[in-house]
Amino acid sequence: MTGISGDLGLAIRTCFVFLFVLLFAGVVVPASQLEALTWKNFFWLGLSGVTTAGSWIFYYKAIKMGDVSTVALIDKGSVIVAVLLAWWILREAITPAKLAGAGLIALGLVVISRG
């Protein structure tokens, strides 16, 4: 993209994401689900939204400051962090398939970072 800042691009992209998700939810989510929402749900969903926004902002800032290949490489490492946090916090089992997948991602990160 040329002629606009990354911040403006992110804001416009986020508006399109919002509209698409709102339309999607309007079509597939039963209205009765709204009654099931609690303040605790709103809190955790809001916190998730704030962290997602922060992630997107820092991702685009990092792309602006560095090589896309390096930034994307670091971003993909988040899968390994997610697997470990799911095991540690949510007590999800780390199956051989998950372990192999995370190991392959880690190996791929090493290979790409050296190339």
PDB file of N, CA and C in Angstrom:
ATOM      1  N   MET A   1       0.845  -1.172   0.000  1.00  0.00           N
ATOM      2  CA  MET A   1       0.000   0.000   0.000  1.00  0.00           C
ATOM      3  C   MET A   1       0.892   1.237   0.000  1.00  0.00           C
ATOM      4  N   THR A   2       0.570   2.126  -0.867  1.00  0.00           N
ATOM      5  CA  THR A   2       1.298   3.385  -0.905  1.00  0.00           C
ATOM      6  C   THR A   2       0.313   4.531  -0.748  1.00  0.00           C
ATOM      7  N   GLY A   3       0.784   5.597  -0.171  1.00  0.00           N
ATOM      8  CA  GLY A   3      -0.035   6.790  -0.031  1.00  0.00           C
ATOM      9  C   GLY A   3      -0.819   6.886   1.258  1.00  0.00           C
ATOM     10  N   ILE A   4      -0.903   5.806   2.044  1.00  0.00           N
ATOM     11  CA  ILE A   4      -1.586   5.876   3.337  1.00  0.00           C
ATOM     12  C   ILE A   4      -0.679   5.273   4.397  1.00  0.00           C
ATOM     13  N   SER A   5      -0.899   5.690   5.617  1.00  0.00           N
ATOM     14  CA  SER A   5      -0.098   5.152   6.719  1.00  0.00           C
ATOM     15  C   SER A   5      -0.569   3.748   7.078  1.00  0.00           C
ATOM     16  N   GLY A   6       0.316   3.003   7.695  1.00  0.00           N
ATOM     17  CA  GLY A   6      -0.047   1.672   8.168  1.00  0.00           C
ATOM     18  C   GLY A   6      -1.145   1.729   9.213  1.00  0.00           C
ATOM     19  N   ASP A   7      -1.140   2.809  10.007  1.00  0.00           N
ATOM     20  CA  ASP A   7      -2.166   2.951  11.043  1.00  0.00           C
ATOM     21  C   ASP A   7      -3.554   3.136  10.431  1.00  0.00           C
ATOM     22  N   LEU A   8      -3.630   3.953   9.376  1.00  0.00           N
ATOM     23  CA  LEU A   8      -4.913   4.137   8.692  1.00  0.00           C
ATOM     24  C   LEU A   8      -5.347   2.836   8.022  1.00  0.00           C
ATOM     25  N   GLY A   9      -4.401   2.149   7.400  1.00  0.00           N
ATOM     26  CA  GLY A   9      -4.709   0.863   6.773  1.00  0.00           C
ATOM     27  C   GLY A   9      -5.250  -0.136   7.776  1.00  0.00           C
ATOM     28  N   LEU A  10      -4.630  -0.181   8.951  1.00  0.00           N
ATOM     29  CA  LEU A  10      -5.090  -1.089  10.003  1.00  0.00           C
ATOM     30  C   LEU A  10      -6.500  -0.719  10.454  1.00  0.00           C
ATOM     31  N   ALA A  11      -6.768   0.575  10.611  1.00  0.00           N
ATOM     32  CA  ALA A  11      -8.097   1.015  11.044  1.00  0.00           C
ATOM     33  C   ALA A  11      -9.163   0.629  10.019  1.00  0.00           C
ATOM     34  N   ILE A  12      -8.868   0.842   8.741  1.00  0.00           N
ATOM     35  CA  ILE A  12      -9.841   0.500   7.694  1.00  0.00           C
ATOM     36  C   ILE A  12     -10.045  -1.007   7.629  1.00  0.00           C
ATOM     37  N   ARG A  13      -8.952  -1.756   7.699  1.00  0.00           N
ATOM     38  CA  ARG A  13      -9.045  -3.224   7.685  1.00  0.00           C
ATOM     39  C   ARG A  13      -9.902  -3.713   8.851  1.00  0.00           C
ATOM     40  N   THR A  14      -9.699  -3.124  10.022  1.00  0.00           N
ATOM     41  CA  THR A  14     -10.437  -3.528  11.208  1.00  0.00           C
ATOM     42  C   THR A  14     -11.928  -3.235  11.057  1.00  0.00           C
ATOM     43  N   CYS A  15     -12.277  -2.133  10.408  1.00  0.00           N
ATOM     44  CA  CYS A  15     -13.696  -1.828  10.144  1.00  0.00           C
ATOM     45  C   CYS A  15     -14.330  -2.906   9.271  1.00  0.00           C
ATOM     46  N   PHE A  16     -13.607  -3.345   8.246  1.00  0.00           N
ATOM     47  CA  PHE A  16     -14.139  -4.406   7.389  1.00  0.00           C
ATOM     48  C   PHE A  16     -14.279  -5.719   8.162  1.00  0.00           C
ATOM     49  N   VAL A  17     -13.306  -6.034   9.005  1.00  0.00           N
ATOM     50  CA  VAL A  17     -13.392  -7.245   9.830  1.00  0.00           C
ATOM     51  C   VAL A  17     -14.620  -7.156  10.734  1.00  0.00           C
ATOM     52  N   PHE A  18     -14.804  -6.012  11.375  1.00  0.00           N
ATOM     53  CA  PHE A  18     -15.947  -5.819  12.265  1.00  0.00           C
ATOM     54  C   PHE A  18     -17.267  -6.040  11.532  1.00  0.00           C
ATOM     55  N   LEU A  19     -17.410  -5.405  10.373  1.00  0.00           N
ATOM     56  CA  LEU A  19     -18.652  -5.539   9.609  1.00  0.00           C
ATOM     57  C   LEU A  19     -18.900  -6.978   9.168  1.00  0.00           C
ATOM     58  N   PHE A  20     -17.853  -7.651   8.711  1.00  0.00           N
ATOM     59  CA  PHE A  20     -18.011  -9.033   8.276  1.00  0.00           C
ATOM     60  C   PHE A  20     -18.418  -9.934   9.437  1.00  0.00           C
ATOM     61  N   VAL A  21     -17.754  -9.796  10.573  1.00  0.00           N
ATOM     62  CA  VAL A  21     -18.064 -10.645  11.728  1.00  0.00           C
ATOM     63  C   VAL A  21     -19.470 -10.341  12.246  1.00  0.00           C
ATOM     64  N   LEU A  22     -19.857  -9.072  12.253  1.00  0.00           N
ATOM     65  CA  LEU A  22     -21.204  -8.710  12.686  1.00  0.00           C
ATOM     66  C   LEU A  22     -22.257  -9.328  11.763  1.00  0.00           C
ATOM     67  N   LEU A  23     -22.036  -9.258  10.467  1.00  0.00           N
ATOM     68  CA  LEU A  23     -22.950  -9.871   9.500  1.00  0.00           C
ATOM     69  C   LEU A  23     -22.996 -11.387   9.685  1.00  0.00           C
ATOM     70  N   PHE A  24     -21.836 -11.997   9.840  1.00  0.00           N
ATOM     71  CA  PHE A  24     -21.750 -13.441  10.057  1.00  0.00           C
ATOM     72  C   PHE A  24     -22.534 -13.843  11.303  1.00  0.00           C
ATOM     73  N   ALA A  25     -22.309 -13.124  12.412  1.00  0.00           N
ATOM     74  CA  ALA A  25     -23.006 -13.449  13.657  1.00  0.00           C
ATOM     75  C   ALA A  25     -24.509 -13.257  13.502  1.00  0.00           C
ATOM     76  N   GLY A  26     -24.917 -12.220  12.774  1.00  0.00           N
ATOM     77  CA  GLY A  26     -26.340 -11.987  12.555  1.00  0.00           C
ATOM     78  C   GLY A  26     -27.016 -13.119  11.810  1.00  0.00           C
ATOM     79  N   VAL A  27     -26.257 -13.818  10.986  1.00  0.00           N
ATOM     80  CA  VAL A  27     -26.814 -14.913  10.193  1.00  0.00           C
ATOM     81  C   VAL A  27     -26.792 -16.236  10.958  1.00  0.00           C
ATOM     82  N   VAL A  28     -25.720 -16.529  11.667  1.00  0.00           N
ATOM     83  CA  VAL A  28     -25.563 -17.873  12.234  1.00  0.00           C
ATOM     84  C   VAL A  28     -25.781 -17.984  13.745  1.00  0.00           C
ATOM     85  N   VAL A  29     -25.790 -16.875  14.466  1.00  0.00           N
ATOM     86  CA  VAL A  29     -25.929 -16.957  15.925  1.00  0.00           C
ATOM     87  C   VAL A  29     -27.398 -16.767  16.310  1.00  0.00           C
ATOM     88  N   PRO A  30     -27.977 -17.734  17.015  1.00  0.00           N
ATOM     89  CA  PRO A  30     -29.371 -17.588  17.452  1.00  0.00           C
ATOM     90  C   PRO A  30     -29.518 -16.414  18.433  1.00  0.00           C
ATOM     91  N   ALA A  31     -30.615 -15.692  18.335  1.00  0.00           N
ATOM     92  CA  ALA A  31     -30.856 -14.540  19.207  1.00  0.00           C
ATOM     93  C   ALA A  31     -30.851 -14.934  20.680  1.00  0.00           C
ATOM     94  N   SER A  32     -31.212 -16.162  20.977  1.00  0.00           N
ATOM     95  CA  SER A  32     -31.238 -16.619  22.372  1.00  0.00           C
ATOM     96  C   SER A  32     -29.851 -16.595  23.010  1.00  0.00           C
ATOM     97  N   GLN A  33     -28.821 -16.613  22.192  1.00  0.00           N
ATOM     98  CA  GLN A  33     -27.459 -16.570  22.725  1.00  0.00           C
ATOM     99  C   GLN A  33     -27.173 -15.244  23.432  1.00  0.00           C
ATOM    100  N   LEU A  34     -27.809 -14.166  22.985  1.00  0.00           N
ATOM    101  CA  LEU A  34     -27.595 -12.861  23.620  1.00  0.00           C
ATOM    102  C   LEU A  34     -28.014 -12.883  25.083  1.00  0.00           C
ATOM    103  N   GLU A  35     -29.068 -13.620  25.380  1.00  0.00           N
ATOM    104  CA  GLU A  35     -29.553 -13.711  26.755  1.00  0.00           C
ATOM    105  C   GLU A  35     -28.595 -14.484  27.651  1.00  0.00           C
ATOM    106  N   ALA A  36     -27.760 -15.304  27.058  1.00  0.00           N
ATOM    107  CA  ALA A  36     -26.831 -16.121  27.835  1.00  0.00           C
ATOM    108  C   ALA A  36     -25.561 -15.362  28.227  1.00  0.00           C
ATOM    109  N   LEU A  37     -25.349 -14.174  27.653  1.00  0.00           N
ATOM    110  CA  LEU A  37     -24.138 -13.412  27.961  1.00  0.00           C
ATOM    111  C   LEU A  37     -24.163 -12.894  29.393  1.00  0.00           C
ATOM    112  N   THR A  38     -23.028 -12.998  30.051  1.00  0.00           N
ATOM    113  CA  THR A  38     -22.881 -12.471  31.409  1.00  0.00           C
ATOM    114  C   THR A  38     -21.811 -11.381  31.389  1.00  0.00           C
ATOM    115  N   TRP A  39     -21.721 -10.638  32.491  1.00  0.00           N
ATOM    116  CA  TRP A  39     -20.670  -9.623  32.589  1.00  0.00           C
ATOM    117  C   TRP A  39     -19.294 -10.260  32.557  1.00  0.00           C
ATOM    118  N   LYS A  40     -19.194 -11.455  33.093  1.00  0.00           N
ATOM    119  CA  LYS A  40     -17.916 -12.167  33.045  1.00  0.00           C
ATOM    120  C   LYS A  40     -17.545 -12.478  31.590  1.00  0.00           C
ATOM    121  N   ASN A  41     -18.530 -12.910  30.793  1.00  0.00           N
ATOM    122  CA  ASN A  41     -18.290 -13.136  29.361  1.00  0.00           C
ATOM    123  C   ASN A  41     -17.799 -11.860  28.693  1.00  0.00           C
ATOM    124  N   PHE A  42     -18.509 -10.742  28.967  1.00  0.00           N
ATOM    125  CA  PHE A  42     -18.122  -9.463  28.372  1.00  0.00           C
ATOM    126  C   PHE A  42     -16.698  -9.078  28.769  1.00  0.00           C
ATOM    127  N   PHE A  43     -16.357  -9.292  30.034  1.00  0.00           N
ATOM    128  CA  PHE A  43     -15.016  -8.949  30.506  1.00  0.00           C
ATOM    129  C   PHE A  43     -13.952  -9.718  29.733  1.00  0.00           C
ATOM    130  N   TRP A  44     -14.095 -11.038  29.670  1.00  0.00           N
ATOM    131  CA  TRP A  44     -13.075 -11.850  29.006  1.00  0.00           C
ATOM    132  C   TRP A  44     -13.038 -11.606  27.506  1.00  0.00           C
ATOM    133  N   LEU A  45     -14.203 -11.426  26.895  1.00  0.00           N
ATOM    134  CA  LEU A  45     -14.235 -11.114  25.463  1.00  0.00           C
ATOM    135  C   LEU A  45     -13.634  -9.734  25.196  1.00  0.00           C
ATOM    136  N   GLY A  46     -13.915  -8.782  26.069  1.00  0.00           N
ATOM    137  CA  GLY A  46     -13.319  -7.450  25.937  1.00  0.00           C
ATOM    138  C   GLY A  46     -11.815  -7.484  26.102  1.00  0.00           C
ATOM    139  N   LEU A  47     -11.351  -8.233  27.092  1.00  0.00           N
ATOM    140  CA  LEU A  47      -9.906  -8.374  27.294  1.00  0.00           C
ATOM    141  C   LEU A  47      -9.254  -9.033  26.088  1.00  0.00           C
ATOM    142  N   SER A  48      -9.910 -10.026  25.542  1.00  0.00           N
ATOM    143  CA  SER A  48      -9.410 -10.679  24.336  1.00  0.00           C
ATOM    144  C   SER A  48      -9.349  -9.693  23.173  1.00  0.00           C
ATOM    145  N   GLY A  49     -10.364  -8.841  23.060  1.00  0.00           N
ATOM    146  CA  GLY A  49     -10.374  -7.830  22.000  1.00  0.00           C
ATOM    147  C   GLY A  49      -9.242  -6.831  22.146  1.00  0.00           C
ATOM    148  N   VAL A  50      -8.971  -6.414  23.374  1.00  0.00           N
ATOM    149  CA  VAL A  50      -7.872  -5.475  23.623  1.00  0.00           C
ATOM    150  C   VAL A  50      -6.530  -6.111  23.270  1.00  0.00           C
ATOM    151  N   THR A  51      -6.328  -7.360  23.664  1.00  0.00           N
ATOM    152  CA  THR A  51      -5.057  -8.015  23.337  1.00  0.00           C
ATOM    153  C   THR A  51      -4.922  -8.260  21.840  1.00  0.00           C
ATOM    154  N   THR A  52      -6.036  -8.572  21.174  1.00  0.00           N
ATOM    155  CA  THR A  52      -5.999  -8.739  19.717  1.00  0.00           C
ATOM    156  C   THR A  52      -5.636  -7.425  19.042  1.00  0.00           C
ATOM    157  N   ALA A  53      -6.257  -6.336  19.483  1.00  0.00           N
ATOM    158  CA  ALA A  53      -5.946  -5.022  18.914  1.00  0.00           C
ATOM    159  C   ALA A  53      -4.476  -4.682  19.129  1.00  0.00           C
ATOM    160  N   GLY A  54      -3.975  -4.933  20.328  1.00  0.00           N
ATOM    161  CA  GLY A  54      -2.557  -4.683  20.599  1.00  0.00           C
ATOM    162  C   GLY A  54      -1.657  -5.510  19.703  1.00  0.00           C
ATOM    163  N   SER A  55      -2.019  -6.754  19.529  1.00  0.00           N
ATOM    164  CA  SER A  55      -1.236  -7.639  18.666  1.00  0.00           C
ATOM    165  C   SER A  55      -1.191  -7.115  17.238  1.00  0.00           C
ATOM    166  N   TRP A  56      -2.341  -6.714  16.716  1.00  0.00           N
ATOM    167  CA  TRP A  56      -2.392  -6.189  15.344  1.00  0.00           C
ATOM    168  C   TRP A  56      -1.578  -4.908  15.221  1.00  0.00           C
ATOM    169  N   ILE A  57      -1.711  -4.002  16.190  1.00  0.00           N
ATOM    170  CA  ILE A  57      -0.973  -2.734  16.140  1.00  0.00           C
ATOM    171  C   ILE A  57       0.527  -2.993  16.152  1.00  0.00           C
ATOM    172  N   PHE A  58       0.990  -3.823  17.078  1.00  0.00           N
ATOM    173  CA  PHE A  58       2.424  -4.097  17.164  1.00  0.00           C
ATOM    174  C   PHE A  58       2.930  -4.864  15.949  1.00  0.00           C
ATOM    175  N   TYR A  59       2.104  -5.742  15.386  1.00  0.00           N
ATOM    176  CA  TYR A  59       2.492  -6.486  14.188  1.00  0.00           C
ATOM    177  C   TYR A  59       2.751  -5.529  13.029  1.00  0.00           C
ATOM    178  N   TYR A  60       1.825  -4.600  12.817  1.00  0.00           N
ATOM    179  CA  TYR A  60       1.994  -3.659  11.709  1.00  0.00           C
ATOM    180  C   TYR A  60       3.137  -2.684  11.964  1.00  0.00           C
ATOM    181  N   LYS A  61       3.332  -2.279  13.212  1.00  0.00           N
ATOM    182  CA  LYS A  61       4.481  -1.420  13.545  1.00  0.00           C
ATOM    183  C   LYS A  61       5.783  -2.174  13.293  1.00  0.00           C
ATOM    184  N   ALA A  62       5.815  -3.442  13.661  1.00  0.00           N
ATOM    185  CA  ALA A  62       7.028  -4.241  13.458  1.00  0.00           C
ATOM    186  C   ALA A  62       7.325  -4.418  11.974  1.00  0.00           C
ATOM    187  N   ILE A  63       6.301  -4.634  11.168  1.00  0.00           N
ATOM    188  CA  ILE A  63       6.504  -4.763   9.720  1.00  0.00           C
ATOM    189  C   ILE A  63       7.061  -3.461   9.145  1.00  0.00           C
ATOM    190  N   LYS A  64       6.580  -2.340   9.686  1.00  0.00           N
ATOM    191  CA  LYS A  64       7.052  -1.035   9.222  1.00  0.00           C
ATOM    192  C   LYS A  64       8.532  -0.834   9.564  1.00  0.00           C
ATOM    193  N   MET A  65       8.967  -1.380  10.696  1.00  0.00           N
ATOM    194  CA  MET A  65      10.329  -1.159  11.176  1.00  0.00           C
ATOM    195  C   MET A  65      11.317  -2.222  10.721  1.00  0.00           C
ATOM    196  N   GLY A  66      10.847  -3.409  10.375  1.00  0.00           N
ATOM    197  CA  GLY A  66      11.761  -4.507  10.072  1.00  0.00           C
ATOM    198  C   GLY A  66      11.356  -5.265   8.831  1.00  0.00           C
ATOM    199  N   ASP A  67      12.061  -6.359   8.606  1.00  0.00           N
ATOM    200  CA  ASP A  67      11.767  -7.221   7.462  1.00  0.00           C
ATOM    201  C   ASP A  67      10.499  -8.029   7.727  1.00  0.00           C
ATOM    202  N   VAL A  68       9.648  -8.114   6.727  1.00  0.00           N
ATOM    203  CA  VAL A  68       8.402  -8.877   6.852  1.00  0.00           C
ATOM    204  C   VAL A  68       8.708 -10.334   7.190  1.00  0.00           C
ATOM    205  N   SER A  69       9.746 -10.889   6.561  1.00  0.00           N
ATOM    206  CA  SER A  69      10.069 -12.299   6.812  1.00  0.00           C
ATOM    207  C   SER A  69      10.443 -12.537   8.273  1.00  0.00           C
ATOM    208  N   THR A  70      11.122 -11.597   8.893  1.00  0.00           N
ATOM    209  CA  THR A  70      11.494 -11.747  10.303  1.00  0.00           C
ATOM    210  C   THR A  70      10.275 -11.585  11.202  1.00  0.00           C
ATOM    211  N   VAL A  71       9.461 -10.584  10.919  1.00  0.00           N
ATOM    212  CA  VAL A  71       8.261 -10.341  11.725  1.00  0.00           C
ATOM    213  C   VAL A  71       7.306 -11.528  11.630  1.00  0.00           C
ATOM    214  N   ALA A  72       7.092 -12.027  10.424  1.00  0.00           N
ATOM    215  CA  ALA A  72       6.201 -13.173  10.236  1.00  0.00           C
ATOM    216  C   ALA A  72       6.748 -14.404  10.952  1.00  0.00           C
ATOM    217  N   LEU A  73       8.053 -14.552  10.940  1.00  0.00           N
ATOM    218  CA  LEU A  73       8.697 -15.672  11.619  1.00  0.00           C
ATOM    219  C   LEU A  73       8.404 -15.635  13.117  1.00  0.00           C
ATOM    220  N   ILE A  74       8.571 -14.477  13.711  1.00  0.00           N
ATOM    221  CA  ILE A  74       8.289 -14.329  15.141  1.00  0.00           C
ATOM    222  C   ILE A  74       6.803 -14.574  15.412  1.00  0.00           C
ATOM    223  N   ASP A  75       5.945 -14.069  14.541  1.00  0.00           N
ATOM    224  CA  ASP A  75       4.500 -14.244  14.692  1.00  0.00           C
ATOM    225  C   ASP A  75       4.113 -15.721  14.693  1.00  0.00           C
ATOM    226  N   LYS A  76       4.711 -16.505  13.829  1.00  0.00           N
ATOM    227  CA  LYS A  76       4.370 -17.934  13.745  1.00  0.00           C
ATOM    228  C   LYS A  76       4.837 -18.700  14.983  1.00  0.00           C
ATOM    229  N   GLY A  77       5.824 -18.167  15.663  1.00  0.00           N
ATOM    230  CA  GLY A  77       6.268 -18.789  16.907  1.00  0.00           C
ATOM    231  C   GLY A  77       5.195 -18.757  17.984  1.00  0.00           C
ATOM    232  N   SER A  78       4.173 -17.918  17.804  1.00  0.00           N
ATOM    233  CA  SER A  78       3.097 -17.827  18.788  1.00  0.00           C
ATOM    234  C   SER A  78       2.310 -19.131  18.896  1.00  0.00           C
ATOM    235  N   VAL A  79       2.345 -19.946  17.858  1.00  0.00           N
ATOM    236  CA  VAL A  79       1.655 -21.242  17.911  1.00  0.00           C
ATOM    237  C   VAL A  79       2.267 -22.107  19.012  1.00  0.00           C
ATOM    238  N   ILE A  80       3.574 -22.095  19.105  1.00  0.00           N
ATOM    239  CA  ILE A  80       4.260 -22.880  20.137  1.00  0.00           C
ATOM    240  C   ILE A  80       3.886 -22.351  21.519  1.00  0.00           C
ATOM    241  N   VAL A  81       3.861 -21.028  21.665  1.00  0.00           N
ATOM    242  CA  VAL A  81       3.477 -20.414  22.935  1.00  0.00           C
ATOM    243  C   VAL A  81       2.041 -20.802  23.285  1.00  0.00           C
ATOM    244  N   ALA A  82       1.141 -20.800  22.305  1.00  0.00           N
ATOM    245  CA  ALA A  82      -0.262 -21.160  22.548  1.00  0.00           C
ATOM    246  C   ALA A  82      -0.396 -22.604  23.020  1.00  0.00           C
ATOM    247  N   VAL A  83       0.352 -23.502  22.414  1.00  0.00           N
ATOM    248  CA  VAL A  83       0.309 -24.915  22.825  1.00  0.00           C
ATOM    249  C   VAL A  83       0.788 -25.051  24.269  1.00  0.00           C
ATOM    250  N   LEU A  84       1.875 -24.365  24.603  1.00  0.00           N
ATOM    251  CA  LEU A  84       2.412 -24.441  25.965  1.00  0.00           C
ATOM    252  C   LEU A  84       1.460 -23.813  26.984  1.00  0.00           C
ATOM    253  N   LEU A  85       0.873 -22.665  26.647  1.00  0.00           N
ATOM    254  CA  LEU A  85      -0.074 -22.032  27.564  1.00  0.00           C
ATOM    255  C   LEU A  85      -1.337 -22.870  27.731  1.00  0.00           C
ATOM    256  N   ALA A  86      -1.806 -23.495  26.660  1.00  0.00           N
ATOM    257  CA  ALA A  86      -2.982 -24.368  26.750  1.00  0.00           C
ATOM    258  C   ALA A  86      -2.706 -25.542  27.680  1.00  0.00           C
ATOM    259  N   TRP A  87      -1.494 -26.067  27.628  1.00  0.00           N
ATOM    260  CA  TRP A  87      -1.109 -27.168  28.516  1.00  0.00           C
ATOM    261  C   TRP A  87      -0.996 -26.681  29.953  1.00  0.00           C
ATOM    262  N   TRP A  88      -0.333 -25.535  30.149  1.00  0.00           N
ATOM    263  CA  TRP A  88      -0.055 -25.028  31.486  1.00  0.00           C
ATOM    264  C   TRP A  88      -1.304 -24.470  32.169  1.00  0.00           C
ATOM    265  N   ILE A  89      -2.053 -23.621  31.480  1.00  0.00           N
ATOM    266  CA  ILE A  89      -3.181 -22.930  32.104  1.00  0.00           C
ATOM    267  C   ILE A  89      -4.480 -23.716  31.982  1.00  0.00           C
ATOM    268  N   LEU A  90      -4.755 -24.231  30.797  1.00  0.00           N
ATOM    269  CA  LEU A  90      -6.024 -24.926  30.561  1.00  0.00           C
ATOM    270  C   LEU A  90      -5.946 -26.425  30.808  1.00  0.00           C
ATOM    271  N   ARG A  91      -4.761 -26.897  31.101  1.00  0.00           N
ATOM    272  CA  ARG A  91      -4.532 -28.325  31.367  1.00  0.00           C
ATOM    273  C   ARG A  91      -4.890 -29.207  30.177  1.00  0.00           C
ATOM    274  N   GLU A  92      -4.714 -28.668  28.955  1.00  0.00           N
ATOM    275  CA  GLU A  92      -4.937 -29.482  27.758  1.00  0.00           C
ATOM    276  C   GLU A  92      -3.793 -30.475  27.611  1.00  0.00           C
ATOM    277  N   ALA A  93      -4.129 -31.644  27.132  1.00  0.00           N
ATOM    278  CA  ALA A  93      -3.109 -32.671  26.927  1.00  0.00           C
ATOM    279  C   ALA A  93      -2.259 -32.319  25.711  1.00  0.00           C
ATOM    280  N   ILE A  94      -0.971 -32.566  25.848  1.00  0.00           N
ATOM    281  CA  ILE A  94      -0.083 -32.420  24.693  1.00  0.00           C
ATOM    282  C   ILE A  94       0.074 -33.814  24.098  1.00  0.00           C
ATOM    283  N   THR A  95      -0.631 -34.036  23.026  1.00  0.00           N
ATOM    284  CA  THR A  95      -0.607 -35.335  22.351  1.00  0.00           C
ATOM    285  C   THR A  95       0.651 -35.445  21.496  1.00  0.00           C
ATOM    286  N   PRO A  96       1.002 -36.653  21.094  1.00  0.00           N
ATOM    287  CA  PRO A  96       2.153 -36.798  20.192  1.00  0.00           C
ATOM    288  C   PRO A  96       2.007 -35.965  18.917  1.00  0.00           C
ATOM    289  N   ALA A  97       0.787 -35.857  18.398  1.00  0.00           N
ATOM    290  CA  ALA A  97       0.568 -35.060  17.185  1.00  0.00           C
ATOM    291  C   ALA A  97       0.831 -33.577  17.446  1.00  0.00           C
ATOM    292  N   LYS A  98       0.347 -33.058  18.587  1.00  0.00           N
ATOM    293  CA  LYS A  98       0.599 -31.654  18.933  1.00  0.00           C
ATOM    294  C   LYS A  98       2.087 -31.413  19.155  1.00  0.00           C
ATOM    295  N   LEU A  99       2.724 -32.343  19.837  1.00  0.00           N
ATOM    296  CA  LEU A  99       4.156 -32.224  20.090  1.00  0.00           C
ATOM    297  C   LEU A  99       4.942 -32.241  18.785  1.00  0.00           C
ATOM    298  N   ALA A 100       4.583 -33.141  17.888  1.00  0.00           N
ATOM    299  CA  ALA A 100       5.264 -33.214  16.589  1.00  0.00           C
ATOM    300  C   ALA A 100       5.027 -31.938  15.790  1.00  0.00           C
ATOM    301  N   GLY A 101       3.794 -31.445  15.788  1.00  0.00           N
ATOM    302  CA  GLY A 101       3.483 -30.217  15.059  1.00  0.00           C
ATOM    303  C   GLY A 101       4.243 -29.022  15.596  1.00  0.00           C
ATOM    304  N   ALA A 102       4.250 -28.872  16.921  1.00  0.00           N
ATOM    305  CA  ALA A 102       4.989 -27.764  17.532  1.00  0.00           C
ATOM    306  C   ALA A 102       6.483 -27.907  17.268  1.00  0.00           C
ATOM    307  N   GLY A 103       6.970 -29.138  17.314  1.00  0.00           N
ATOM    308  CA  GLY A 103       8.386 -29.377  17.022  1.00  0.00           C
ATOM    309  C   GLY A 103       8.740 -29.020  15.588  1.00  0.00           C
ATOM    310  N   LEU A 104       7.857 -29.367  14.652  1.00  0.00           N
ATOM    311  CA  LEU A 104       8.100 -29.019  13.246  1.00  0.00           C
ATOM    312  C   LEU A 104       8.068 -27.506  13.031  1.00  0.00           C
ATOM    313  N   ILE A 105       7.165 -26.833  13.726  1.00  0.00           N
ATOM    314  CA  ILE A 105       7.130 -25.372  13.628  1.00  0.00           C
ATOM    315  C   ILE A 105       8.428 -24.789  14.173  1.00  0.00           C
ATOM    316  N   ALA A 106       8.867 -25.286  15.331  1.00  0.00           N
ATOM    317  CA  ALA A 106      10.125 -24.802  15.909  1.00  0.00           C
ATOM    318  C   ALA A 106      11.295 -25.064  14.972  1.00  0.00           C
ATOM    319  N   LEU A 107      11.335 -26.253  14.396  1.00  0.00           N
ATOM    320  CA  LEU A 107      12.400 -26.583  13.449  1.00  0.00           C
ATOM    321  C   LEU A 107      12.338 -25.660  12.231  1.00  0.00           C
ATOM    322  N   GLY A 108      11.136 -25.405  11.738  1.00  0.00           N
ATOM    323  CA  GLY A 108      10.966 -24.490  10.612  1.00  0.00           C
ATOM    324  C   GLY A 108      11.435 -23.085  10.944  1.00  0.00           C
ATOM    325  N   LEU A 109      11.155 -22.642  12.167  1.00  0.00           N
ATOM    326  CA  LEU A 109      11.620 -21.320  12.592  1.00  0.00           C
ATOM    327  C   LEU A 109      13.141 -21.242  12.592  1.00  0.00           C
ATOM    328  N   VAL A 110      13.775 -22.295  13.070  1.00  0.00           N
ATOM    329  CA  VAL A 110      15.243 -22.329  13.087  1.00  0.00           C
ATOM    330  C   VAL A 110      15.793 -22.320  11.663  1.00  0.00           C
ATOM    331  N   VAL A 111      15.227 -23.149  10.800  1.00  0.00           N
ATOM    332  CA  VAL A 111      15.707 -23.233   9.409  1.00  0.00           C
ATOM    333  C   VAL A 111      15.557 -21.885   8.702  1.00  0.00           C
ATOM    334  N   ILE A 112      14.384 -21.272   8.829  1.00  0.00           N
ATOM    335  CA  ILE A 112      14.146 -19.995   8.153  1.00  0.00           C
ATOM    336  C   ILE A 112      15.031 -18.893   8.730  1.00  0.00           C
ATOM    337  N   SER A 113      15.208 -18.880  10.040  1.00  0.00           N
ATOM    338  CA  SER A 113      16.012 -17.818  10.655  1.00  0.00           C
ATOM    339  C   SER A 113      17.482 -17.893  10.258  1.00  0.00           C
ATOM    340  N   ARG A 114      17.955 -19.065   9.910  1.00  0.00           N
ATOM    341  CA  ARG A 114      19.363 -19.216   9.509  1.00  0.00           C
ATOM    342  C   ARG A 114      19.564 -19.015   8.015  1.00  0.00           C
ATOM    343  N   GLY A 115      18.466 -19.042   7.257  1.00  0.00           N
ATOM    344  CA  GLY A 115      18.578 -18.952   5.805  1.00  0.00           C
ATOM    345  C   GLY A 115      18.430 -17.555   5.360  1.00  0.00           C
TER     346      GLY A 115
END
